[in-house]
Amino acid sequence: MMSAMISLMLFMLMIMVLSHYYMIIFMMIVLELLNLIFLLMILKYMNLEIVLLSLMIQVLDSLIIMVFMIISLFSWEKSNNWSNLLNFSV
């Protein structure tokens, strides 16, 4: 189960990197739902493997947020002319 979840997470990360913004948001929602399911399973079964899966989902979610912010920064940098920021004339 652990290796299947790792491969699923890597596949989702690959899709997220190659796709558009709406797909990134969708993947974040799916990961949060998976995390909620695992947290409920932790409460019920108290299994260490489920705890590790939940922590991995947290890390992947953080990576998605980081990639989303980097993509947003690059698109902002591309759309704005940096020389205009240094020109203070009115």
N, C-alpha and C. Protein backbone atom coordinates (compact mmCIF):
# COMPACT_ATOMS: atom_id res chain seq x y z
N MET A 1 0.83 -1.19 0.00
CA MET A 1 0.00 0.00 0.00
C MET A 1 0.87 1.26 0.00
N MET A 2 1.98 1.19 0.72
CA MET A 2 2.85 2.36 0.82
C MET A 2 3.47 2.69 -0.54
N SER A 3 3.95 1.69 -1.26
CA SER A 3 4.57 1.95 -2.56
C SER A 3 3.54 2.43 -3.58
N ALA A 4 2.32 1.93 -3.48
CA ALA A 4 1.26 2.39 -4.37
C ALA A 4 0.94 3.86 -4.11
N MET A 5 0.91 4.26 -2.85
CA MET A 5 0.64 5.66 -2.53
C MET A 5 1.79 6.56 -2.97
N ILE A 6 3.02 6.09 -2.82
CA ILE A 6 4.17 6.89 -3.26
C ILE A 6 4.12 7.09 -4.77
N SER A 7 3.83 6.03 -5.52
CA SER A 7 3.76 6.17 -6.97
C SER A 7 2.59 7.06 -7.39
N LEU A 8 1.46 6.97 -6.67
CA LEU A 8 0.33 7.85 -6.96
C LEU A 8 0.70 9.30 -6.70
N MET A 9 1.39 9.56 -5.61
CA MET A 9 1.79 10.93 -5.29
C MET A 9 2.78 11.48 -6.32
N LEU A 10 3.73 10.66 -6.74
CA LEU A 10 4.69 11.10 -7.75
C LEU A 10 4.00 11.36 -9.08
N PHE A 11 3.03 10.52 -9.44
CA PHE A 11 2.26 10.73 -10.66
C PHE A 11 1.47 12.03 -10.59
N MET A 12 0.85 12.29 -9.43
CA MET A 12 0.09 13.53 -9.27
C MET A 12 1.01 14.74 -9.33
N LEU A 13 2.21 14.62 -8.77
CA LEU A 13 3.17 15.72 -8.83
C LEU A 13 3.61 15.98 -10.27
N MET A 14 3.82 14.91 -11.04
CA MET A 14 4.21 15.06 -12.44
C MET A 14 3.10 15.75 -13.24
N ILE A 15 1.86 15.33 -13.02
CA ILE A 15 0.73 15.96 -13.72
C ILE A 15 0.63 17.42 -13.33
N MET A 16 0.84 17.71 -12.05
CA MET A 16 0.74 19.07 -11.57
C MET A 16 1.79 19.97 -12.22
N VAL A 17 3.01 19.47 -12.37
CA VAL A 17 4.07 20.27 -12.96
C VAL A 17 3.79 20.52 -14.44
N LEU A 18 3.21 19.55 -15.12
CA LEU A 18 2.98 19.67 -16.56
C LEU A 18 1.65 20.30 -16.92
N SER A 19 0.84 20.65 -15.96
CA SER A 19 -0.50 21.12 -16.28
C SER A 19 -0.68 22.59 -15.93
N HIS A 20 -1.92 23.03 -15.99
CA HIS A 20 -2.25 24.44 -15.77
C HIS A 20 -2.65 24.67 -14.31
N TYR A 21 -2.98 25.92 -14.02
CA TYR A 21 -3.29 26.31 -12.65
C TYR A 21 -4.50 25.58 -12.08
N TYR A 22 -5.55 25.41 -12.87
CA TYR A 22 -6.74 24.76 -12.34
C TYR A 22 -6.48 23.32 -11.95
N MET A 23 -5.56 22.68 -12.66
CA MET A 23 -5.22 21.30 -12.32
C MET A 23 -4.44 21.25 -11.01
N ILE A 24 -3.61 22.26 -10.77
CA ILE A 24 -2.86 22.33 -9.51
C ILE A 24 -3.83 22.46 -8.34
N ILE A 25 -4.83 23.32 -8.50
CA ILE A 25 -5.81 23.51 -7.43
C ILE A 25 -6.61 22.22 -7.21
N PHE A 26 -6.96 21.54 -8.30
CA PHE A 26 -7.68 20.27 -8.18
C PHE A 26 -6.84 19.23 -7.44
N MET A 27 -5.55 19.15 -7.76
CA MET A 27 -4.67 18.19 -7.09
C MET A 27 -4.55 18.52 -5.60
N MET A 28 -4.51 19.80 -5.26
CA MET A 28 -4.44 20.18 -3.85
C MET A 28 -5.70 19.74 -3.11
N ILE A 29 -6.85 19.90 -3.75
CA ILE A 29 -8.10 19.49 -3.12
C ILE A 29 -8.11 17.97 -2.92
N VAL A 30 -7.68 17.23 -3.94
CA VAL A 30 -7.64 15.77 -3.84
C VAL A 30 -6.68 15.34 -2.72
N LEU A 31 -5.52 15.99 -2.64
CA LEU A 31 -4.57 15.63 -1.59
C LEU A 31 -5.11 15.95 -0.20
N GLU A 32 -5.81 17.05 -0.08
CA GLU A 32 -6.38 17.38 1.23
C GLU A 32 -7.46 16.37 1.62
N LEU A 33 -8.26 15.93 0.66
CA LEU A 33 -9.27 14.90 0.96
C LEU A 33 -8.61 13.58 1.35
N LEU A 34 -7.54 13.22 0.63
CA LEU A 34 -6.80 12.01 1.00
C LEU A 34 -6.22 12.13 2.41
N ASN A 35 -5.73 13.30 2.71
CA ASN A 35 -5.16 13.51 4.04
C ASN A 35 -6.23 13.39 5.12
N LEU A 36 -7.41 13.92 4.87
CA LEU A 36 -8.50 13.78 5.84
C LEU A 36 -8.88 12.31 6.04
N ILE A 37 -8.91 11.56 4.95
CA ILE A 37 -9.23 10.14 5.06
C ILE A 37 -8.18 9.42 5.89
N PHE A 38 -6.90 9.72 5.63
CA PHE A 38 -5.83 9.08 6.39
C PHE A 38 -5.87 9.49 7.86
N LEU A 39 -6.19 10.73 8.13
CA LEU A 39 -6.28 11.15 9.53
C LEU A 39 -7.41 10.43 10.25
N LEU A 40 -8.52 10.22 9.56
CA LEU A 40 -9.61 9.45 10.16
C LEU A 40 -9.20 8.00 10.39
N MET A 41 -8.41 7.44 9.45
CA MET A 41 -7.93 6.07 9.63
C MET A 41 -6.94 5.99 10.79
N ILE A 42 -6.14 7.05 10.98
CA ILE A 42 -5.22 7.08 12.12
C ILE A 42 -6.01 7.03 13.42
N LEU A 43 -7.08 7.81 13.48
CA LEU A 43 -7.89 7.81 14.70
C LEU A 43 -8.52 6.45 14.96
N LYS A 44 -8.85 5.73 13.89
CA LYS A 44 -9.53 4.44 14.07
C LYS A 44 -8.54 3.30 14.32
N TYR A 45 -7.44 3.23 13.55
CA TYR A 45 -6.57 2.06 13.60
C TYR A 45 -5.26 2.27 14.33
N MET A 46 -4.80 3.50 14.49
CA MET A 46 -3.51 3.82 15.13
C MET A 46 -2.36 3.03 14.48
N ASN A 47 -2.25 3.14 13.16
CA ASN A 47 -1.24 2.41 12.40
C ASN A 47 -0.13 3.37 11.98
N LEU A 48 1.13 2.97 12.16
CA LEU A 48 2.26 3.84 11.85
C LEU A 48 2.39 4.10 10.35
N GLU A 49 2.06 3.12 9.53
CA GLU A 49 2.15 3.30 8.09
C GLU A 49 1.19 4.40 7.61
N ILE A 50 0.02 4.46 8.19
CA ILE A 50 -0.94 5.49 7.83
C ILE A 50 -0.45 6.86 8.28
N VAL A 51 0.22 6.90 9.42
CA VAL A 51 0.79 8.17 9.88
C VAL A 51 1.85 8.66 8.89
N LEU A 52 2.69 7.76 8.41
CA LEU A 52 3.71 8.14 7.44
C LEU A 52 3.09 8.61 6.12
N LEU A 53 2.03 7.94 5.68
CA LEU A 53 1.35 8.38 4.46
C LEU A 53 0.76 9.77 4.63
N SER A 54 0.19 10.03 5.78
CA SER A 54 -0.37 11.34 6.05
C SER A 54 0.71 12.42 6.04
N LEU A 55 1.85 12.12 6.62
CA LEU A 55 2.96 13.08 6.61
C LEU A 55 3.49 13.30 5.20
N MET A 56 3.53 12.24 4.39
CA MET A 56 3.97 12.39 3.01
C MET A 56 3.01 13.26 2.21
N ILE A 57 1.73 13.12 2.48
CA ILE A 57 0.75 13.97 1.80
C ILE A 57 0.93 15.42 2.21
N GLN A 58 1.24 15.65 3.47
CA GLN A 58 1.50 17.03 3.91
C GLN A 58 2.70 17.61 3.17
N VAL A 59 3.75 16.82 3.02
CA VAL A 59 4.94 17.30 2.32
C VAL A 59 4.62 17.57 0.85
N LEU A 60 3.88 16.67 0.22
CA LEU A 60 3.52 16.86 -1.18
C LEU A 60 2.64 18.09 -1.36
N ASP A 61 1.74 18.31 -0.44
CA ASP A 61 0.89 19.50 -0.49
C ASP A 61 1.73 20.76 -0.38
N SER A 62 2.72 20.74 0.48
CA SER A 62 3.63 21.89 0.60
C SER A 62 4.42 22.10 -0.69
N LEU A 63 4.84 21.01 -1.32
CA LEU A 63 5.55 21.13 -2.60
C LEU A 63 4.66 21.73 -3.68
N ILE A 64 3.40 21.33 -3.68
CA ILE A 64 2.46 21.88 -4.67
C ILE A 64 2.30 23.37 -4.46
N ILE A 65 2.15 23.79 -3.22
CA ILE A 65 2.02 25.22 -2.94
C ILE A 65 3.28 25.96 -3.37
N MET A 66 4.44 25.39 -3.11
CA MET A 66 5.69 26.03 -3.49
C MET A 66 5.81 26.15 -5.01
N VAL A 67 5.48 25.08 -5.74
CA VAL A 67 5.55 25.12 -7.21
C VAL A 67 4.55 26.12 -7.76
N PHE A 68 3.36 26.17 -7.18
CA PHE A 68 2.34 27.12 -7.61
C PHE A 68 2.83 28.55 -7.43
N MET A 69 3.47 28.83 -6.30
CA MET A 69 3.99 30.17 -6.05
C MET A 69 5.14 30.51 -7.00
N ILE A 70 6.00 29.55 -7.30
CA ILE A 70 7.10 29.80 -8.23
C ILE A 70 6.58 30.07 -9.63
N ILE A 71 5.58 29.29 -10.07
CA ILE A 71 4.98 29.52 -11.38
C ILE A 71 4.33 30.89 -11.43
N SER A 72 3.65 31.27 -10.38
CA SER A 72 3.02 32.59 -10.33
C SER A 72 4.07 33.69 -10.38
N LEU A 73 5.16 33.50 -9.68
CA LEU A 73 6.23 34.50 -9.69
C LEU A 73 6.84 34.64 -11.07
N PHE A 74 7.09 33.51 -11.75
CA PHE A 74 7.67 33.58 -13.08
C PHE A 74 6.72 34.23 -14.08
N SER A 75 5.44 33.94 -13.97
CA SER A 75 4.49 34.56 -14.89
C SER A 75 4.37 36.06 -14.62
N TRP A 76 4.47 36.45 -13.34
CA TRP A 76 4.45 37.88 -13.02
C TRP A 76 5.71 38.55 -13.55
N GLU A 77 6.84 37.89 -13.39
CA GLU A 77 8.11 38.45 -13.86
C GLU A 77 8.10 38.59 -15.37
N LYS A 78 7.50 37.65 -16.05
CA LYS A 78 7.45 37.68 -17.51
C LYS A 78 6.52 38.78 -18.01
N SER A 79 5.44 39.04 -17.30
CA SER A 79 4.46 40.02 -17.76
C SER A 79 4.85 41.45 -17.42
N ASN A 80 5.71 41.66 -16.45
CA ASN A 80 6.11 43.00 -16.05
C ASN A 80 7.52 43.30 -16.52
N ASN A 81 7.70 44.55 -16.87
CA ASN A 81 9.02 44.99 -17.27
C ASN A 81 9.74 45.50 -16.03
N TRP A 82 10.86 44.86 -15.69
CA TRP A 82 11.56 45.21 -14.46
C TRP A 82 12.16 46.61 -14.53
N SER A 83 12.45 47.11 -15.72
CA SER A 83 13.03 48.45 -15.82
C SER A 83 12.02 49.52 -15.40
N ASN A 84 10.73 49.24 -15.53
CA ASN A 84 9.72 50.20 -15.09
C ASN A 84 9.70 50.34 -13.57
N LEU A 85 10.14 49.33 -12.87
CA LEU A 85 10.16 49.42 -11.41
C LEU A 85 11.22 50.40 -10.92
N LEU A 86 12.27 50.59 -11.71
CA LEU A 86 13.35 51.48 -11.31
C LEU A 86 13.15 52.91 -11.78
N ASN A 87 12.17 53.12 -12.62
CA ASN A 87 11.91 54.45 -13.16
C ASN A 87 10.85 55.12 -12.29
N PHE A 88 11.26 56.15 -11.54
CA PHE A 88 10.35 56.81 -10.61
C PHE A 88 9.75 58.09 -11.16
N SER A 89 9.95 58.36 -12.42
CA SER A 89 9.41 59.60 -12.98
C SER A 89 7.90 59.49 -13.12
N VAL A 90 7.23 60.62 -12.93
CA VAL A 90 5.76 60.65 -12.97
C VAL A 90 5.28 60.99 -14.34
